[in-house]
All heavy atoms as atom14 arrays in JSON, in Angstrom:
{
  "sequence": "TNYADSVKGRFTISRDDAKDTVYLQMNRLKPE",
  "atom14_mask": [
    [1, 1, 1, 1, 1, 1, 1, 0, 0, 0, 0, 0, 0, 0],
    [1, 1, 1, 1, 1, 1, 1, 1, 0, 0, 0, 0, 0, 0],
    [1, 1, 1, 1, 1, 1, 1, 1, 1, 1, 1, 1, 0, 0],
    [1, 1, 1, 1, 1, 0, 0, 0, 0, 0, 0, 0, 0, 0],
    [1, 1, 1, 1, 1, 1, 1, 1, 0, 0, 0, 0, 0, 0],
    [1, 1, 1, 1, 1, 1, 0, 0, 0, 0, 0, 0, 0, 0],
    [1, 1, 1, 1, 1, 1, 1, 0, 0, 0, 0, 0, 0, 0],
    [1, 1, 1, 1, 1, 1, 1, 1, 1, 0, 0, 0, 0, 0],
    [1, 1, 1, 1, 0, 0, 0, 0, 0, 0, 0, 0, 0, 0],
    [1, 1, 1, 1, 1, 1, 1, 1, 1, 1, 1, 0, 0, 0],
    [1, 1, 1, 1, 1, 1, 1, 1, 1, 1, 1, 0, 0, 0],
    [1, 1, 1, 1, 1, 1, 1, 0, 0, 0, 0, 0, 0, 0],
    [1, 1, 1, 1, 1, 1, 1, 1, 0, 0, 0, 0, 0, 0],
    [1, 1, 1, 1, 1, 1, 0, 0, 0, 0, 0, 0, 0, 0],
    [1, 1, 1, 1, 1, 1, 1, 1, 1, 1, 1, 0, 0, 0],
    [1, 1, 1, 1, 1, 1, 1, 1, 0, 0, 0, 0, 0, 0],
    [1, 1, 1, 1, 1, 1, 1, 1, 0, 0, 0, 0, 0, 0],
    [1, 1, 1, 1, 1, 0, 0, 0, 0, 0, 0, 0, 0, 0],
    [1, 1, 1, 1, 1, 1, 1, 1, 1, 0, 0, 0, 0, 0],
    [1, 1, 1, 1, 1, 1, 1, 1, 0, 0, 0, 0, 0, 0],
    [1, 1, 1, 1, 1, 1, 1, 0, 0, 0, 0, 0, 0, 0],
    [1, 1, 1, 1, 1, 1, 1, 0, 0, 0, 0, 0, 0, 0],
    [1, 1, 1, 1, 1, 1, 1, 1, 1, 1, 1, 1, 0, 0],
    [1, 1, 1, 1, 1, 1, 1, 1, 0, 0, 0, 0, 0, 0],
    [1, 1, 1, 1, 1, 1, 1, 1, 1, 0, 0, 0, 0, 0],
    [1, 1, 1, 1, 1, 1, 1, 1, 0, 0, 0, 0, 0, 0],
    [1, 1, 1, 1, 1, 1, 1, 1, 0, 0, 0, 0, 0, 0],
    [1, 1, 1, 1, 1, 1, 1, 1, 1, 1, 1, 0, 0, 0],
    [1, 1, 1, 1, 1, 1, 1, 1, 0, 0, 0, 0, 0, 0],
    [1, 1, 1, 1, 1, 1, 1, 1, 1, 0, 0, 0, 0, 0],
    [1, 1, 1, 1, 1, 1, 1, 0, 0, 0, 0, 0, 0, 0],
    [1, 1, 1, 1, 1, 1, 1, 1, 1, 0, 0, 0, 0, 0]
  ],
  "atom14_positions": [
    [[-0.56, 7.1, 7.84], [-1.2, 6.28, 6.82], [-2.59, 5.83, 7.24], [-2.9, 5.73, 8.42], [-0.36, 5.04, 6.5], [-0.16, 4.28, 7.7], [1.0, 5.44, 5.94], [0.0, 0.0, 0.0], [0.0, 0.0, 0.0], [0.0, 0.0, 0.0], [0.0, 0.0, 0.0], [0.0, 0.0, 0.0], [0.0, 0.0, 0.0], [0.0, 0.0, 0.0]],
    [[-3.4, 5.56, 6.23], [-4.73, 5.0, 6.43], [-4.93, 3.9, 5.41], [-4.54, 4.04, 4.25], [-5.81, 6.06, 6.28], [-5.76, 7.11, 7.36], [-6.07, 6.83, 8.52], [-5.39, 8.33, 7.0], [0.0, 0.0, 0.0], [0.0, 0.0, 0.0], [0.0, 0.0, 0.0], [0.0, 0.0, 0.0], [0.0, 0.0, 0.0], [0.0, 0.0, 0.0]],
    [[-5.55, 2.82, 5.84], [-5.8, 1.7, 4.96], [-7.25, 1.26, 5.03], [-7.88, 1.34, 6.09], [-4.94, 0.49, 5.35], [-3.46, 0.69, 5.19], [-2.69, 1.17, 6.24], [-2.82, 0.39, 3.99], [-1.32, 1.35, 6.1], [-1.46, 0.57, 3.84], [-0.71, 1.05, 4.9], [0.64, 1.22, 4.75], [0.0, 0.0, 0.0], [0.0, 0.0, 0.0]],
    [[-7.75, 0.79, 3.91], [-9.03, 0.13, 3.92], [-8.91, -1.16, 4.73], [-7.88, -1.82, 4.72], [-9.48, -0.19, 2.5], [0.0, 0.0, 0.0], [0.0, 0.0, 0.0], [0.0, 0.0, 0.0], [0.0, 0.0, 0.0], [0.0, 0.0, 0.0], [0.0, 0.0, 0.0], [0.0, 0.0, 0.0], [0.0, 0.0, 0.0], [0.0, 0.0, 0.0]],
    [[-9.98, -1.49, 5.44], [-9.95, -2.7, 6.26], [-9.64, -3.94, 5.43], [-9.0, -4.88, 5.91], [-11.28, -2.87, 6.99], [-11.48, -1.87, 8.1], [-10.49, -1.27, 8.56], [-12.64, -1.69, 8.52], [0.0, 0.0, 0.0], [0.0, 0.0, 0.0], [0.0, 0.0, 0.0], [0.0, 0.0, 0.0], [0.0, 0.0, 0.0], [0.0, 0.0, 0.0]],
    [[-10.08, -3.94, 4.19], [-9.9, -5.1, 3.34], [-8.45, -5.37, 2.95], [-8.12, -6.48, 2.53], [-10.76, -4.97, 2.07], [-10.39, -3.81, 1.34], [0.0, 0.0, 0.0], [0.0, 0.0, 0.0], [0.0, 0.0, 0.0], [0.0, 0.0, 0.0], [0.0, 0.0, 0.0], [0.0, 0.0, 0.0], [0.0, 0.0, 0.0], [0.0, 0.0, 0.0]],
    [[-7.6, -4.36, 3.07], [-6.21, -4.52, 2.67], [-5.23, -4.38, 3.82], [-4.04, -4.67, 3.66], [-5.82, -3.53, 1.55], [-6.81, -3.62, 0.39], [-5.74, -2.1, 2.08], [0.0, 0.0, 0.0], [0.0, 0.0, 0.0], [0.0, 0.0, 0.0], [0.0, 0.0, 0.0], [0.0, 0.0, 0.0], [0.0, 0.0, 0.0], [0.0, 0.0, 0.0]],
    [[-5.71, -3.95, 4.95], [-4.83, -3.73, 6.09], [-4.12, -5.02, 6.48], [-4.74, -6.07, 6.62], [-5.63, -3.18, 7.27], [-4.77, -2.58, 8.37], [-5.62, -1.84, 9.39], [-4.77, -1.11, 10.41], [-5.6, -0.34, 11.38], [0.0, 0.0, 0.0], [0.0, 0.0, 0.0], [0.0, 0.0, 0.0], [0.0, 0.0, 0.0], [0.0, 0.0, 0.0]],
    [[-2.83, -4.92, 6.65], [-2.03, -6.09, 6.96], [-1.44, -6.77, 5.74], [-0.52, -7.58, 5.87], [0.0, 0.0, 0.0], [0.0, 0.0, 0.0], [0.0, 0.0, 0.0], [0.0, 0.0, 0.0], [0.0, 0.0, 0.0], [0.0, 0.0, 0.0], [0.0, 0.0, 0.0], [0.0, 0.0, 0.0], [0.0, 0.0, 0.0], [0.0, 0.0, 0.0]],
    [[-1.97, -6.46, 4.57], [-1.47, -7.03, 3.33], [-0.78, -5.99, 2.44], [0.18, -6.32, 1.76], [-2.61, -7.68, 2.53], [-3.29, -8.83, 3.26], [-4.27, -9.54, 2.34], [-5.36, -8.67, 1.9], [-5.63, -8.38, 0.63], [-4.89, -8.89, -0.34], [-6.65, -7.58, 0.34], [0.0, 0.0, 0.0], [0.0, 0.0, 0.0], [0.0, 0.0, 0.0]],
    [[-1.29, -4.78, 2.46], [-0.75, -3.72, 1.62], [0.01, -2.71, 2.47], [-0.35, -2.47, 3.63], [-1.86, -2.97, 0.88], [-2.59, -3.76, -0.16], [-2.38, -5.12, -0.33], [-3.5, -3.13, -0.99], [-3.06, -5.85, -1.3], [-4.19, -3.84, -1.96], [-3.97, -5.19, -2.12], [0.0, 0.0, 0.0], [0.0, 0.0, 0.0], [0.0, 0.0, 0.0]],
    [[1.03, -2.11, 1.89], [1.79, -1.08, 2.56], [2.0, 0.09, 1.61], [2.5, -0.09, 0.5], [3.16, -1.59, 3.03], [2.98, -2.7, 3.92], [3.91, -0.49, 3.78], [0.0, 0.0, 0.0], [0.0, 0.0, 0.0], [0.0, 0.0, 0.0], [0.0, 0.0, 0.0], [0.0, 0.0, 0.0], [0.0, 0.0, 0.0], [0.0, 0.0, 0.0]],
    [[1.61, 1.27, 2.05], [1.82, 2.46, 1.26], [3.03, 3.21, 1.79], [3.27, 3.25, 3.0], [0.57, 3.37, 1.24], [0.73, 4.5, 0.23], [0.27, 3.93, 2.63], [-0.56, 5.28, -0.02], [0.0, 0.0, 0.0], [0.0, 0.0, 0.0], [0.0, 0.0, 0.0], [0.0, 0.0, 0.0], [0.0, 0.0, 0.0], [0.0, 0.0, 0.0]],
    [[3.8, 3.79, 0.9], [4.96, 4.57, 1.28], [5.18, 5.67, 0.26], [4.6, 5.63, -0.84], [6.21, 3.69, 1.41], [6.52, 3.07, 0.17], [0.0, 0.0, 0.0], [0.0, 0.0, 0.0], [0.0, 0.0, 0.0], [0.0, 0.0, 0.0], [0.0, 0.0, 0.0], [0.0, 0.0, 0.0], [0.0, 0.0, 0.0], [0.0, 0.0, 0.0]],
    [[5.99, 6.62, 0.6], [6.27, 7.71, -0.34], [7.71, 8.15, -0.21], [8.31, 8.09, 0.86], [5.31, 8.9, -0.14], [5.44, 9.6, 1.21], [4.3, 10.58, 1.44], [4.49, 11.84, 0.73], [3.62, 12.86, 0.76], [2.48, 12.73, 1.44], [3.88, 13.97, 0.1], [0.0, 0.0, 0.0], [0.0, 0.0, 0.0], [0.0, 0.0, 0.0]],
    [[8.24, 8.6, -1.32], [9.58, 9.14, -1.4], [9.44, 10.58, -1.86], [9.24, 10.83, -3.05], [10.44, 8.33, -2.36], [11.89, 8.78, -2.39], [12.18, 9.9, -1.96], [12.74, 7.99, -2.84], [0.0, 0.0, 0.0], [0.0, 0.0, 0.0], [0.0, 0.0, 0.0], [0.0, 0.0, 0.0], [0.0, 0.0, 0.0], [0.0, 0.0, 0.0]],
    [[9.53, 11.5, -0.93], [9.3, 12.9, -1.27], [10.38, 13.46, -2.2], [10.11, 14.38, -2.97], [9.23, 13.74, 0.01], [7.95, 13.51, 0.78], [6.97, 13.01, 0.2], [7.92, 13.83, 2.0], [0.0, 0.0, 0.0], [0.0, 0.0, 0.0], [0.0, 0.0, 0.0], [0.0, 0.0, 0.0], [0.0, 0.0, 0.0], [0.0, 0.0, 0.0]],
    [[11.58, 12.92, -2.12], [12.64, 13.37, -3.0], [12.33, 13.05, -4.46], [12.81, 13.73, -5.37], [13.98, 12.75, -2.6], [0.0, 0.0, 0.0], [0.0, 0.0, 0.0], [0.0, 0.0, 0.0], [0.0, 0.0, 0.0], [0.0, 0.0, 0.0], [0.0, 0.0, 0.0], [0.0, 0.0, 0.0], [0.0, 0.0, 0.0], [0.0, 0.0, 0.0]],
    [[11.54, 12.01, -4.67], [11.17, 11.6, -6.02], [9.72, 11.91, -6.36], [9.27, 11.59, -7.46], [11.42, 10.1, -6.19], [12.86, 9.68, -6.01], [13.01, 8.17, -6.17], [14.45, 7.74, -6.01], [14.6, 6.27, -6.13], [0.0, 0.0, 0.0], [0.0, 0.0, 0.0], [0.0, 0.0, 0.0], [0.0, 0.0, 0.0], [0.0, 0.0, 0.0]],
    [[9.0, 12.51, -5.42], [7.57, 12.79, -5.6], [6.83, 11.53, -6.05], [6.02, 11.54, -6.97], [7.36, 13.92, -6.61], [7.78, 15.27, -6.07], [7.81, 15.45, -4.84], [8.09, 16.16, -6.89], [0.0, 0.0, 0.0], [0.0, 0.0, 0.0], [0.0, 0.0, 0.0], [0.0, 0.0, 0.0], [0.0, 0.0, 0.0], [0.0, 0.0, 0.0]],
    [[7.13, 10.44, -5.37], [6.61, 9.15, -5.76], [5.95, 8.45, -4.58], [6.46, 8.5, -3.45], [7.73, 8.26, -6.32], [8.29, 8.89, -7.48], [7.19, 6.9, -6.72], [0.0, 0.0, 0.0], [0.0, 0.0, 0.0], [0.0, 0.0, 0.0], [0.0, 0.0, 0.0], [0.0, 0.0, 0.0], [0.0, 0.0, 0.0], [0.0, 0.0, 0.0]],
    [[4.84, 7.81, -4.85], [4.15, 7.0, -3.85], [4.12, 5.57, -4.34], [4.01, 5.31, -5.54], [2.72, 7.53, -3.58], [1.85, 7.45, -4.82], [2.09, 6.79, -2.41], [0.0, 0.0, 0.0], [0.0, 0.0, 0.0], [0.0, 0.0, 0.0], [0.0, 0.0, 0.0], [0.0, 0.0, 0.0], [0.0, 0.0, 0.0], [0.0, 0.0, 0.0]],
    [[4.23, 4.64, -3.41], [4.26, 3.23, -3.73], [3.15, 2.5, -2.99], [2.71, 2.91, -1.93], [5.6, 2.6, -3.34], [6.81, 3.29, -3.91], [7.46, 4.29, -3.19], [7.29, 2.96, -5.17], [8.57, 4.93, -3.71], [8.41, 3.59, -5.69], [9.04, 4.58, -4.96], [10.15, 5.21, -5.48], [0.0, 0.0, 0.0], [0.0, 0.0, 0.0]],
    [[2.74, 1.4, -3.56], [1.82, 0.51, -2.88], [2.34, -0.91, -3.04], [2.29, -1.48, -4.13], [0.4, 0.62, -3.45], [-0.66, -0.21, -2.73], [-0.89, 0.34, -1.32], [-1.97, -0.23, -3.51], [0.0, 0.0, 0.0], [0.0, 0.0, 0.0], [0.0, 0.0, 0.0], [0.0, 0.0, 0.0], [0.0, 0.0, 0.0], [0.0, 0.0, 0.0]],
    [[2.85, -1.45, -1.96], [3.29, -2.83, -1.94], [2.1, -3.7, -1.6], [1.51, -3.56, -0.53], [4.41, -3.03, -0.92], [4.91, -4.47, -0.81], [5.6, -4.94, -2.07], [6.44, -4.23, -2.62], [5.25, -6.13, -2.53], [0.0, 0.0, 0.0], [0.0, 0.0, 0.0], [0.0, 0.0, 0.0], [0.0, 0.0, 0.0], [0.0, 0.0, 0.0]],
    [[1.75, -4.6, -2.48], [0.59, -5.45, -2.31], [1.05, -6.89, -2.17], [1.61, -7.46, -3.1], [-0.37, -5.3, -3.49], [-0.81, -3.86, -3.74], [-2.06, -3.73, -5.05], [-1.08, -4.22, -6.47], [0.0, 0.0, 0.0], [0.0, 0.0, 0.0], [0.0, 0.0, 0.0], [0.0, 0.0, 0.0], [0.0, 0.0, 0.0], [0.0, 0.0, 0.0]],
    [[0.79, -7.45, -1.02], [1.16, -8.83, -0.74], [-0.08, -9.67, -0.49], [-1.14, -9.16, -0.15], [2.08, -8.9, 0.47], [3.39, -8.18, 0.27], [3.95, -8.17, -0.82], [3.9, -7.57, 1.34], [0.0, 0.0, 0.0], [0.0, 0.0, 0.0], [0.0, 0.0, 0.0], [0.0, 0.0, 0.0], [0.0, 0.0, 0.0], [0.0, 0.0, 0.0]],
    [[0.09, -10.97, -0.63], [-1.0, -11.92, -0.41], [-2.27, -11.48, -1.14], [-3.35, -11.4, -0.58], [-1.27, -12.1, 1.09], [-0.03, -12.5, 1.88], [-0.34, -13.02, 3.28], [-1.17, -12.12, 4.06], [-0.73, -11.07, 4.72], [0.55, -10.75, 4.68], [-1.57, -10.33, 5.43], [0.0, 0.0, 0.0], [0.0, 0.0, 0.0], [0.0, 0.0, 0.0]],
    [[-2.09, -11.21, -2.41], [-3.19, -10.71, -3.22], [-4.3, -11.74, -3.35], [-4.07, -12.94, -3.4], [-2.68, -10.31, -4.6], [-1.94, -8.97, -4.64], [-1.07, -8.87, -5.88], [-2.94, -7.82, -4.59], [0.0, 0.0, 0.0], [0.0, 0.0, 0.0], [0.0, 0.0, 0.0], [0.0, 0.0, 0.0], [0.0, 0.0, 0.0], [0.0, 0.0, 0.0]],
    [[-5.51, -11.22, -3.41], [-6.71, -12.03, -3.53], [-7.45, -11.66, -4.81], [-7.31, -10.55, -5.31], [-7.63, -11.79, -2.33], [-7.0, -12.05, -0.98], [-7.95, -11.67, 0.14], [-7.35, -11.92, 1.51], [-8.28, -11.52, 2.6], [0.0, 0.0, 0.0], [0.0, 0.0, 0.0], [0.0, 0.0, 0.0], [0.0, 0.0, 0.0], [0.0, 0.0, 0.0]],
    [[-8.25, -12.57, -5.34], [-9.02, -12.24, -6.54], [-9.88, -10.98, -6.37], [-10.05, -10.23, -7.34], [-9.89, -13.48, -6.76], [-9.08, -14.59, -6.2], [-8.4, -14.0, -4.99], [0.0, 0.0, 0.0], [0.0, 0.0, 0.0], [0.0, 0.0, 0.0], [0.0, 0.0, 0.0], [0.0, 0.0, 0.0], [0.0, 0.0, 0.0], [0.0, 0.0, 0.0]],
    [[-10.38, -10.74, -5.18], [-11.19, -9.56, -4.95], [-10.4, -8.26, -4.98], [-10.98, -7.18, -4.92], [-11.96, -9.67, -3.62], [-11.11, -10.1, -2.45], [-11.19, -11.59, -2.16], [-11.09, -12.38, -3.12], [-11.36, -11.96, -0.98], [0.0, 0.0, 0.0], [0.0, 0.0, 0.0], [0.0, 0.0, 0.0], [0.0, 0.0, 0.0], [0.0, 0.0, 0.0]]
  ]
}
């Protein structure tokens, strides 16, 4: 995985190859 510095530690990307699906869990969201 690779993350933008602005989201590292707050966002988590994952994928489920069986479902051909990618997810983005976004925590501690900011207005920016």
